[in-house]
Amino acid sequence: MSLKVGDLAPEIVLNDQYGNERSTAKLEKKSLVLIFYPKNNSPICTSQLCAFRDNYKLFNLYNSEIWGINNESVYSHNSFSRNLQIPFPLLSDKENKIGKLYGIKNIFGLNTSRITFVINEKKINLIHENLMDSISHIIKSLHILENLRK
C-alpha cells in the first residue's frame, strides 16, 4: 500500500510504553504527528525524539498529539522514554502490522524508515521521509500544523 497526502489514514490501535491502549479513533478534533523511527537508543533516533520532546509544548499549541512508533517492545519503549523523559506515547508495533499499513520498510525485524505523518480529521496532510536529517521532521510537521490552523 502506498499512501499519499489526502488519503485517509489507517486506523491505529496499539499499546504505549506503559501498556495503555492508544487508538486514533479516540483523537477527537486533534491533529496527530505520527513518527515512525527505526530504533530506541540509536543516535539519530534519540536526537529526533529529544527534539520533539523539547518542542512538545509548541506542538500542544497547535492542538496536536505526538506519537512515536516502531516495532520494539513496550518494555524497551518504557526504558527509553523514562531515560529521556519523553512526554508523549511510544507505541509498540511488534508485528509491524501498523507499519505495513503505513508503508514502513522492515528488514530483519527492524524498521528501516524514518517517516513522519501529520494526520488531521483522519486525513494525511504530510508524509515526510528523511532517514538522516531528524530535525527536518519537526520543521515540516510544524509548517503543516501552522497551515491547518489558518
N, C-alpha and C. Protein backbone atom coordinates (compact mmCIF):
# COMPACT_ATOMS: atom_id res chain seq x y z
N MET A 1 0.85 -1.18 0.00
CA MET A 1 0.00 0.00 0.00
C MET A 1 0.89 1.23 0.00
N SER A 2 0.61 2.14 -0.90
CA SER A 2 1.37 3.37 -0.97
C SER A 2 0.45 4.54 -0.63
N LEU A 3 0.66 5.13 0.53
CA LEU A 3 -0.16 6.24 0.98
C LEU A 3 0.33 7.54 0.38
N LYS A 4 -0.58 8.48 0.22
CA LYS A 4 -0.21 9.80 -0.25
C LYS A 4 -1.02 10.85 0.50
N VAL A 5 -0.56 12.09 0.43
CA VAL A 5 -1.27 13.19 1.08
C VAL A 5 -2.69 13.24 0.54
N GLY A 6 -3.65 13.39 1.46
CA GLY A 6 -5.06 13.42 1.11
C GLY A 6 -5.77 12.10 1.37
N ASP A 7 -5.00 11.01 1.48
CA ASP A 7 -5.60 9.70 1.77
C ASP A 7 -6.10 9.66 3.21
N LEU A 8 -7.08 8.79 3.45
CA LEU A 8 -7.49 8.51 4.82
C LEU A 8 -6.37 7.75 5.51
N ALA A 9 -6.07 8.13 6.72
CA ALA A 9 -5.01 7.46 7.48
C ALA A 9 -5.53 6.13 8.02
N PRO A 10 -4.74 5.08 7.91
CA PRO A 10 -5.14 3.81 8.51
C PRO A 10 -5.33 3.94 10.02
N GLU A 11 -6.30 3.23 10.53
CA GLU A 11 -6.60 3.23 11.98
C GLU A 11 -5.43 2.62 12.75
N ILE A 12 -5.16 3.18 13.91
CA ILE A 12 -4.09 2.66 14.78
C ILE A 12 -4.69 2.29 16.12
N VAL A 13 -4.41 1.07 16.56
CA VAL A 13 -4.72 0.63 17.93
C VAL A 13 -3.51 -0.18 18.39
N LEU A 14 -2.72 0.41 19.30
CA LEU A 14 -1.51 -0.22 19.81
C LEU A 14 -1.31 0.18 21.27
N ASN A 15 -0.45 -0.57 21.96
CA ASN A 15 -0.10 -0.24 23.33
C ASN A 15 1.11 0.69 23.37
N ASP A 16 1.06 1.62 24.35
CA ASP A 16 2.17 2.54 24.52
C ASP A 16 3.19 1.98 25.52
N GLN A 17 4.15 2.80 25.90
CA GLN A 17 5.25 2.36 26.77
C GLN A 17 4.79 1.98 28.17
N TYR A 18 3.55 2.30 28.53
CA TYR A 18 3.01 1.93 29.85
C TYR A 18 2.00 0.79 29.76
N GLY A 19 1.81 0.25 28.55
CA GLY A 19 0.85 -0.82 28.35
C GLY A 19 -0.57 -0.33 28.11
N ASN A 20 -0.75 0.99 28.01
CA ASN A 20 -2.07 1.56 27.76
C ASN A 20 -2.39 1.52 26.27
N GLU A 21 -3.62 1.17 25.95
CA GLU A 21 -4.03 1.14 24.56
C GLU A 21 -4.24 2.56 24.04
N ARG A 22 -3.68 2.83 22.88
CA ARG A 22 -3.86 4.11 22.19
C ARG A 22 -4.58 3.82 20.88
N SER A 23 -5.55 4.65 20.57
CA SER A 23 -6.33 4.46 19.36
C SER A 23 -6.56 5.80 18.68
N THR A 24 -6.37 5.83 17.38
CA THR A 24 -6.63 7.07 16.64
C THR A 24 -8.12 7.41 16.67
N ALA A 25 -8.97 6.44 16.89
CA ALA A 25 -10.41 6.70 16.97
C ALA A 25 -10.75 7.61 18.15
N LYS A 26 -9.88 7.66 19.14
CA LYS A 26 -10.13 8.48 20.34
C LYS A 26 -9.53 9.88 20.26
N LEU A 27 -8.95 10.21 19.13
CA LEU A 27 -8.34 11.54 18.96
C LEU A 27 -9.35 12.50 18.37
N GLU A 28 -10.25 12.96 19.18
CA GLU A 28 -11.28 13.86 18.70
C GLU A 28 -10.72 15.26 18.46
N LYS A 29 -10.89 15.74 17.25
CA LYS A 29 -10.54 17.12 16.87
C LYS A 29 -9.11 17.50 17.18
N LYS A 30 -8.21 16.55 17.17
CA LYS A 30 -6.80 16.83 17.35
C LYS A 30 -6.04 16.34 16.13
N SER A 31 -4.97 17.03 15.82
CA SER A 31 -4.05 16.54 14.80
C SER A 31 -3.12 15.54 15.46
N LEU A 32 -2.60 14.63 14.67
CA LEU A 32 -1.65 13.63 15.17
C LEU A 32 -0.37 13.73 14.36
N VAL A 33 0.74 13.88 15.05
CA VAL A 33 2.06 13.80 14.44
C VAL A 33 2.57 12.41 14.77
N LEU A 34 2.64 11.57 13.76
CA LEU A 34 3.00 10.16 13.92
C LEU A 34 4.42 9.95 13.40
N ILE A 35 5.32 9.60 14.32
CA ILE A 35 6.74 9.48 14.00
C ILE A 35 7.13 8.00 13.95
N PHE A 36 7.37 7.47 12.76
CA PHE A 36 7.94 6.14 12.64
C PHE A 36 9.45 6.31 12.66
N TYR A 37 10.11 5.62 13.60
CA TYR A 37 11.56 5.74 13.72
C TYR A 37 12.15 4.34 13.89
N PRO A 38 13.40 4.15 13.45
CA PRO A 38 13.96 2.79 13.43
C PRO A 38 14.21 2.13 14.78
N LYS A 39 14.89 2.82 15.72
CA LYS A 39 15.38 2.07 16.88
C LYS A 39 15.55 2.97 18.10
N ASN A 40 15.07 2.47 19.24
CA ASN A 40 15.33 3.15 20.51
C ASN A 40 16.83 3.17 20.78
N ASN A 41 17.31 4.25 21.35
CA ASN A 41 18.69 4.39 21.80
C ASN A 41 19.73 4.51 20.69
N SER A 42 19.30 4.57 19.42
CA SER A 42 20.29 4.84 18.37
C SER A 42 20.51 6.35 18.33
N PRO A 43 21.67 6.80 17.89
CA PRO A 43 21.99 8.23 17.97
C PRO A 43 20.99 9.15 17.25
N ILE A 44 20.65 8.86 16.02
CA ILE A 44 19.75 9.75 15.28
C ILE A 44 18.34 9.69 15.85
N CYS A 45 17.87 8.51 16.20
CA CYS A 45 16.53 8.38 16.79
C CYS A 45 16.44 9.11 18.13
N THR A 46 17.48 8.99 18.92
CA THR A 46 17.50 9.69 20.21
C THR A 46 17.46 11.19 19.99
N SER A 47 18.26 11.68 19.05
CA SER A 47 18.27 13.10 18.72
C SER A 47 16.89 13.56 18.24
N GLN A 48 16.28 12.77 17.38
CA GLN A 48 14.97 13.13 16.83
C GLN A 48 13.90 13.20 17.93
N LEU A 49 13.82 12.18 18.75
CA LEU A 49 12.78 12.16 19.77
C LEU A 49 13.04 13.21 20.86
N CYS A 50 14.29 13.49 21.15
CA CYS A 50 14.60 14.56 22.11
C CYS A 50 14.21 15.92 21.53
N ALA A 51 14.38 16.11 20.24
CA ALA A 51 13.97 17.37 19.61
C ALA A 51 12.45 17.53 19.66
N PHE A 52 11.72 16.45 19.41
CA PHE A 52 10.26 16.51 19.55
C PHE A 52 9.88 16.77 21.01
N ARG A 53 10.60 16.13 21.93
CA ARG A 53 10.37 16.37 23.36
C ARG A 53 10.57 17.84 23.70
N ASP A 54 11.65 18.42 23.20
CA ASP A 54 11.99 19.80 23.52
C ASP A 54 11.00 20.79 22.92
N ASN A 55 10.28 20.38 21.89
CA ASN A 55 9.29 21.23 21.23
C ASN A 55 7.85 20.79 21.53
N TYR A 56 7.69 19.93 22.51
CA TYR A 56 6.39 19.33 22.82
C TYR A 56 5.32 20.38 23.10
N LYS A 57 5.65 21.41 23.88
CA LYS A 57 4.66 22.44 24.21
C LYS A 57 4.21 23.21 22.97
N LEU A 58 5.11 23.41 22.04
CA LEU A 58 4.76 24.08 20.79
C LEU A 58 3.75 23.25 20.00
N PHE A 59 3.96 21.94 19.95
CA PHE A 59 3.01 21.07 19.25
C PHE A 59 1.65 21.11 19.94
N ASN A 60 1.64 21.19 21.27
CA ASN A 60 0.38 21.28 22.01
C ASN A 60 -0.39 22.55 21.65
N LEU A 61 0.32 23.65 21.39
CA LEU A 61 -0.34 24.89 20.99
C LEU A 61 -1.11 24.73 19.69
N TYR A 62 -0.70 23.79 18.88
CA TYR A 62 -1.38 23.51 17.61
C TYR A 62 -2.44 22.42 17.77
N ASN A 63 -2.84 22.14 19.01
CA ASN A 63 -3.86 21.13 19.29
C ASN A 63 -3.51 19.79 18.63
N SER A 64 -2.29 19.38 18.83
CA SER A 64 -1.84 18.13 18.23
C SER A 64 -1.22 17.22 19.29
N GLU A 65 -1.24 15.95 18.97
CA GLU A 65 -0.55 14.95 19.78
C GLU A 65 0.60 14.39 18.96
N ILE A 66 1.62 13.95 19.67
CA ILE A 66 2.77 13.29 19.05
C ILE A 66 2.76 11.85 19.52
N TRP A 67 2.90 10.93 18.58
CA TRP A 67 3.08 9.52 18.91
C TRP A 67 4.30 9.01 18.16
N GLY A 68 5.23 8.37 18.87
CA GLY A 68 6.35 7.69 18.24
C GLY A 68 5.97 6.22 18.08
N ILE A 69 6.51 5.57 17.07
CA ILE A 69 6.15 4.17 16.83
C ILE A 69 7.30 3.43 16.14
N ASN A 70 7.58 2.26 16.63
CA ASN A 70 8.44 1.30 15.94
C ASN A 70 8.08 -0.09 16.45
N ASN A 71 8.84 -1.09 16.05
CA ASN A 71 8.46 -2.46 16.39
C ASN A 71 9.19 -3.01 17.62
N GLU A 72 9.71 -2.13 18.45
CA GLU A 72 10.33 -2.59 19.69
C GLU A 72 9.26 -2.81 20.77
N SER A 73 9.64 -3.46 21.83
CA SER A 73 8.69 -3.87 22.87
C SER A 73 8.23 -2.70 23.74
N VAL A 74 7.13 -2.92 24.44
CA VAL A 74 6.62 -1.95 25.42
C VAL A 74 7.71 -1.69 26.46
N TYR A 75 8.39 -2.74 26.90
CA TYR A 75 9.46 -2.60 27.90
C TYR A 75 10.59 -1.71 27.38
N SER A 76 11.01 -1.93 26.14
CA SER A 76 12.08 -1.12 25.55
C SER A 76 11.64 0.35 25.45
N HIS A 77 10.40 0.57 25.03
CA HIS A 77 9.88 1.93 24.94
C HIS A 77 9.81 2.59 26.33
N ASN A 78 9.43 1.81 27.33
CA ASN A 78 9.31 2.35 28.68
C ASN A 78 10.67 2.83 29.17
N SER A 79 11.67 2.01 29.01
CA SER A 79 13.02 2.37 29.44
C SER A 79 13.54 3.58 28.68
N PHE A 80 13.37 3.56 27.38
CA PHE A 80 13.84 4.64 26.51
C PHE A 80 13.16 5.96 26.87
N SER A 81 11.84 5.93 27.03
CA SER A 81 11.10 7.17 27.31
C SER A 81 11.40 7.70 28.71
N ARG A 82 11.58 6.79 29.66
CA ARG A 82 11.89 7.20 31.03
C ARG A 82 13.27 7.86 31.09
N ASN A 83 14.25 7.24 30.43
CA ASN A 83 15.62 7.78 30.44
C ASN A 83 15.71 9.16 29.80
N LEU A 84 14.89 9.38 28.76
CA LEU A 84 14.95 10.65 28.03
C LEU A 84 13.83 11.61 28.42
N GLN A 85 12.97 11.17 29.34
CA GLN A 85 11.83 11.98 29.79
C GLN A 85 10.96 12.41 28.60
N ILE A 86 10.61 11.43 27.78
CA ILE A 86 9.74 11.65 26.62
C ILE A 86 8.31 11.83 27.14
N PRO A 87 7.65 12.95 26.84
CA PRO A 87 6.32 13.22 27.39
C PRO A 87 5.17 12.70 26.53
N PHE A 88 5.47 12.04 25.44
CA PHE A 88 4.42 11.55 24.55
C PHE A 88 4.53 10.03 24.40
N PRO A 89 3.45 9.40 23.93
CA PRO A 89 3.42 7.94 23.83
C PRO A 89 4.40 7.40 22.78
N LEU A 90 5.01 6.28 23.13
CA LEU A 90 5.80 5.50 22.18
C LEU A 90 5.07 4.17 22.03
N LEU A 91 4.62 3.88 20.82
CA LEU A 91 3.79 2.71 20.57
C LEU A 91 4.61 1.53 20.08
N SER A 92 4.23 0.36 20.56
CA SER A 92 4.92 -0.88 20.20
C SER A 92 4.14 -1.60 19.10
N ASP A 93 4.76 -1.69 17.93
CA ASP A 93 4.17 -2.38 16.78
C ASP A 93 5.01 -3.63 16.49
N LYS A 94 5.05 -4.53 17.48
CA LYS A 94 5.93 -5.71 17.43
C LYS A 94 5.80 -6.51 16.14
N GLU A 95 4.60 -6.65 15.64
CA GLU A 95 4.38 -7.48 14.45
C GLU A 95 4.37 -6.65 13.16
N ASN A 96 4.67 -5.37 13.27
CA ASN A 96 4.74 -4.44 12.13
C ASN A 96 3.43 -4.35 11.35
N LYS A 97 2.31 -4.62 12.01
CA LYS A 97 1.01 -4.54 11.32
C LYS A 97 0.70 -3.10 10.90
N ILE A 98 0.88 -2.18 11.81
CA ILE A 98 0.60 -0.77 11.50
C ILE A 98 1.66 -0.24 10.54
N GLY A 99 2.90 -0.61 10.78
CA GLY A 99 3.97 -0.21 9.87
C GLY A 99 3.67 -0.59 8.43
N LYS A 100 3.19 -1.79 8.21
CA LYS A 100 2.85 -2.23 6.85
C LYS A 100 1.75 -1.36 6.26
N LEU A 101 0.74 -1.04 7.06
CA LEU A 101 -0.36 -0.19 6.57
C LEU A 101 0.14 1.18 6.14
N TYR A 102 1.17 1.66 6.83
CA TYR A 102 1.72 2.98 6.53
C TYR A 102 2.91 2.93 5.57
N GLY A 103 3.25 1.75 5.08
CA GLY A 103 4.32 1.61 4.09
C GLY A 103 5.72 1.68 4.66
N ILE A 104 5.87 1.33 5.93
CA ILE A 104 7.18 1.37 6.57
C ILE A 104 7.97 0.12 6.20
N LYS A 105 9.17 0.35 5.70
CA LYS A 105 10.04 -0.77 5.32
C LYS A 105 10.56 -1.46 6.57
N ASN A 106 10.63 -2.77 6.51
CA ASN A 106 11.07 -3.56 7.65
C ASN A 106 11.99 -4.66 7.13
N ILE A 107 13.24 -4.64 7.59
CA ILE A 107 14.19 -5.67 7.18
C ILE A 107 14.77 -6.32 8.42
N PHE A 108 14.72 -7.65 8.47
CA PHE A 108 15.22 -8.42 9.61
C PHE A 108 14.63 -7.97 10.93
N GLY A 109 13.34 -7.61 10.91
CA GLY A 109 12.65 -7.24 12.13
C GLY A 109 12.89 -5.82 12.61
N LEU A 110 13.57 -5.01 11.80
CA LEU A 110 13.83 -3.62 12.18
C LEU A 110 13.20 -2.66 11.19
N ASN A 111 12.60 -1.59 11.73
CA ASN A 111 12.14 -0.52 10.85
C ASN A 111 13.38 0.06 10.18
N THR A 112 13.30 0.29 8.90
CA THR A 112 14.43 0.91 8.20
C THR A 112 14.04 2.27 7.66
N SER A 113 12.90 2.78 8.09
CA SER A 113 12.41 4.07 7.61
C SER A 113 12.30 5.05 8.77
N ARG A 114 12.47 6.31 8.45
CA ARG A 114 12.20 7.40 9.38
C ARG A 114 11.20 8.29 8.64
N ILE A 115 9.92 8.10 8.97
CA ILE A 115 8.85 8.81 8.26
C ILE A 115 7.92 9.43 9.29
N THR A 116 7.57 10.68 9.06
CA THR A 116 6.62 11.39 9.91
C THR A 116 5.37 11.71 9.10
N PHE A 117 4.24 11.42 9.69
CA PHE A 117 2.94 11.73 9.11
C PHE A 117 2.27 12.78 9.99
N VAL A 118 1.59 13.73 9.37
CA VAL A 118 0.69 14.61 10.11
C VAL A 118 -0.71 14.26 9.62
N ILE A 119 -1.55 13.91 10.58
CA ILE A 119 -2.91 13.46 10.29
C ILE A 119 -3.88 14.44 10.96
N ASN A 120 -4.85 14.89 10.19
CA ASN A 120 -5.86 15.80 10.71
C ASN A 120 -7.20 15.39 10.12
N GLU A 121 -8.19 15.25 10.99
CA GLU A 121 -9.53 14.81 10.57
C GLU A 121 -9.45 13.53 9.75
N LYS A 122 -8.61 12.61 10.22
CA LYS A 122 -8.42 11.28 9.66
C LYS A 122 -7.74 11.26 8.28
N LYS A 123 -7.32 12.43 7.81
CA LYS A 123 -6.65 12.50 6.51
C LYS A 123 -5.17 12.82 6.70
N ILE A 124 -4.37 12.27 5.80
CA ILE A 124 -2.93 12.51 5.82
C ILE A 124 -2.64 13.86 5.18
N ASN A 125 -1.98 14.73 5.94
CA ASN A 125 -1.62 16.06 5.47
C ASN A 125 -0.13 16.20 5.18
N LEU A 126 0.66 15.27 5.70
CA LEU A 126 2.10 15.29 5.47
C LEU A 126 2.65 13.88 5.53
N ILE A 127 3.52 13.58 4.59
CA ILE A 127 4.35 12.37 4.65
C ILE A 127 5.77 12.87 4.39
N HIS A 128 6.59 12.81 5.43
CA HIS A 128 7.97 13.30 5.29
C HIS A 128 8.92 12.17 5.66
N GLU A 129 9.76 11.81 4.69
CA GLU A 129 10.74 10.75 4.91
C GLU A 129 12.13 11.32 4.73
N ASN A 130 12.95 11.16 5.76
CA ASN A 130 14.35 11.55 5.70
C ASN A 130 15.06 10.76 6.79
N LEU A 131 15.85 9.80 6.39
CA LEU A 131 16.49 8.89 7.33
C LEU A 131 17.58 9.58 8.16
N MET A 132 18.29 10.52 7.56
CA MET A 132 19.45 11.08 8.24
C MET A 132 19.21 12.44 8.91
N ASP A 133 18.27 13.23 8.41
CA ASP A 133 18.02 14.57 8.96
C ASP A 133 16.78 14.52 9.85
N SER A 134 16.99 14.23 11.10
CA SER A 134 15.87 14.05 12.02
C SER A 134 15.15 15.36 12.33
N ILE A 135 15.85 16.48 12.29
CA ILE A 135 15.26 17.78 12.62
C ILE A 135 14.28 18.24 11.55
N SER A 136 14.48 17.83 10.31
CA SER A 136 13.57 18.22 9.23
C SER A 136 12.14 17.75 9.51
N HIS A 137 12.00 16.68 10.28
CA HIS A 137 10.67 16.15 10.61
C HIS A 137 9.89 17.15 11.47
N ILE A 138 10.57 17.81 12.37
CA ILE A 138 9.91 18.81 13.23
C ILE A 138 9.53 20.04 12.40
N ILE A 139 10.44 20.52 11.59
CA ILE A 139 10.21 21.71 10.78
C ILE A 139 9.02 21.49 9.85
N LYS A 140 9.01 20.38 9.14
CA LYS A 140 7.91 20.09 8.20
C LYS A 140 6.59 19.92 8.94
N SER A 141 6.60 19.22 10.07
CA SER A 141 5.37 18.99 10.84
C SER A 141 4.78 20.30 11.34
N LEU A 142 5.62 21.17 11.90
CA LEU A 142 5.14 22.46 12.41
C LEU A 142 4.60 23.34 11.29
N HIS A 143 5.23 23.28 10.14
CA HIS A 143 4.75 24.06 8.99
C HIS A 143 3.34 23.62 8.59
N ILE A 144 3.10 22.33 8.52
CA ILE A 144 1.78 21.81 8.17
C ILE A 144 0.76 22.18 9.25
N LEU A 145 1.12 22.02 10.51
CA LEU A 145 0.20 22.36 11.60
C LEU A 145 -0.16 23.84 11.58
N GLU A 146 0.81 24.68 11.25
CA GLU A 146 0.53 26.12 11.14
C GLU A 146 -0.48 26.37 10.02
N ASN A 147 -0.30 25.72 8.89
CA ASN A 147 -1.22 25.88 7.76
C ASN A 147 -2.62 25.35 8.09
N LEU A 148 -2.69 24.29 8.85
CA LEU A 148 -4.00 23.73 9.24
C LEU A 148 -4.74 24.67 10.17
N ARG A 149 -4.00 25.45 10.90
CA ARG A 149 -4.59 26.38 11.88
C ARG A 149 -5.29 27.56 11.20
N LYS A 150 -4.84 27.90 10.00
CA LYS A 150 -5.36 29.08 9.28
C LYS A 150 -6.78 28.86 8.79
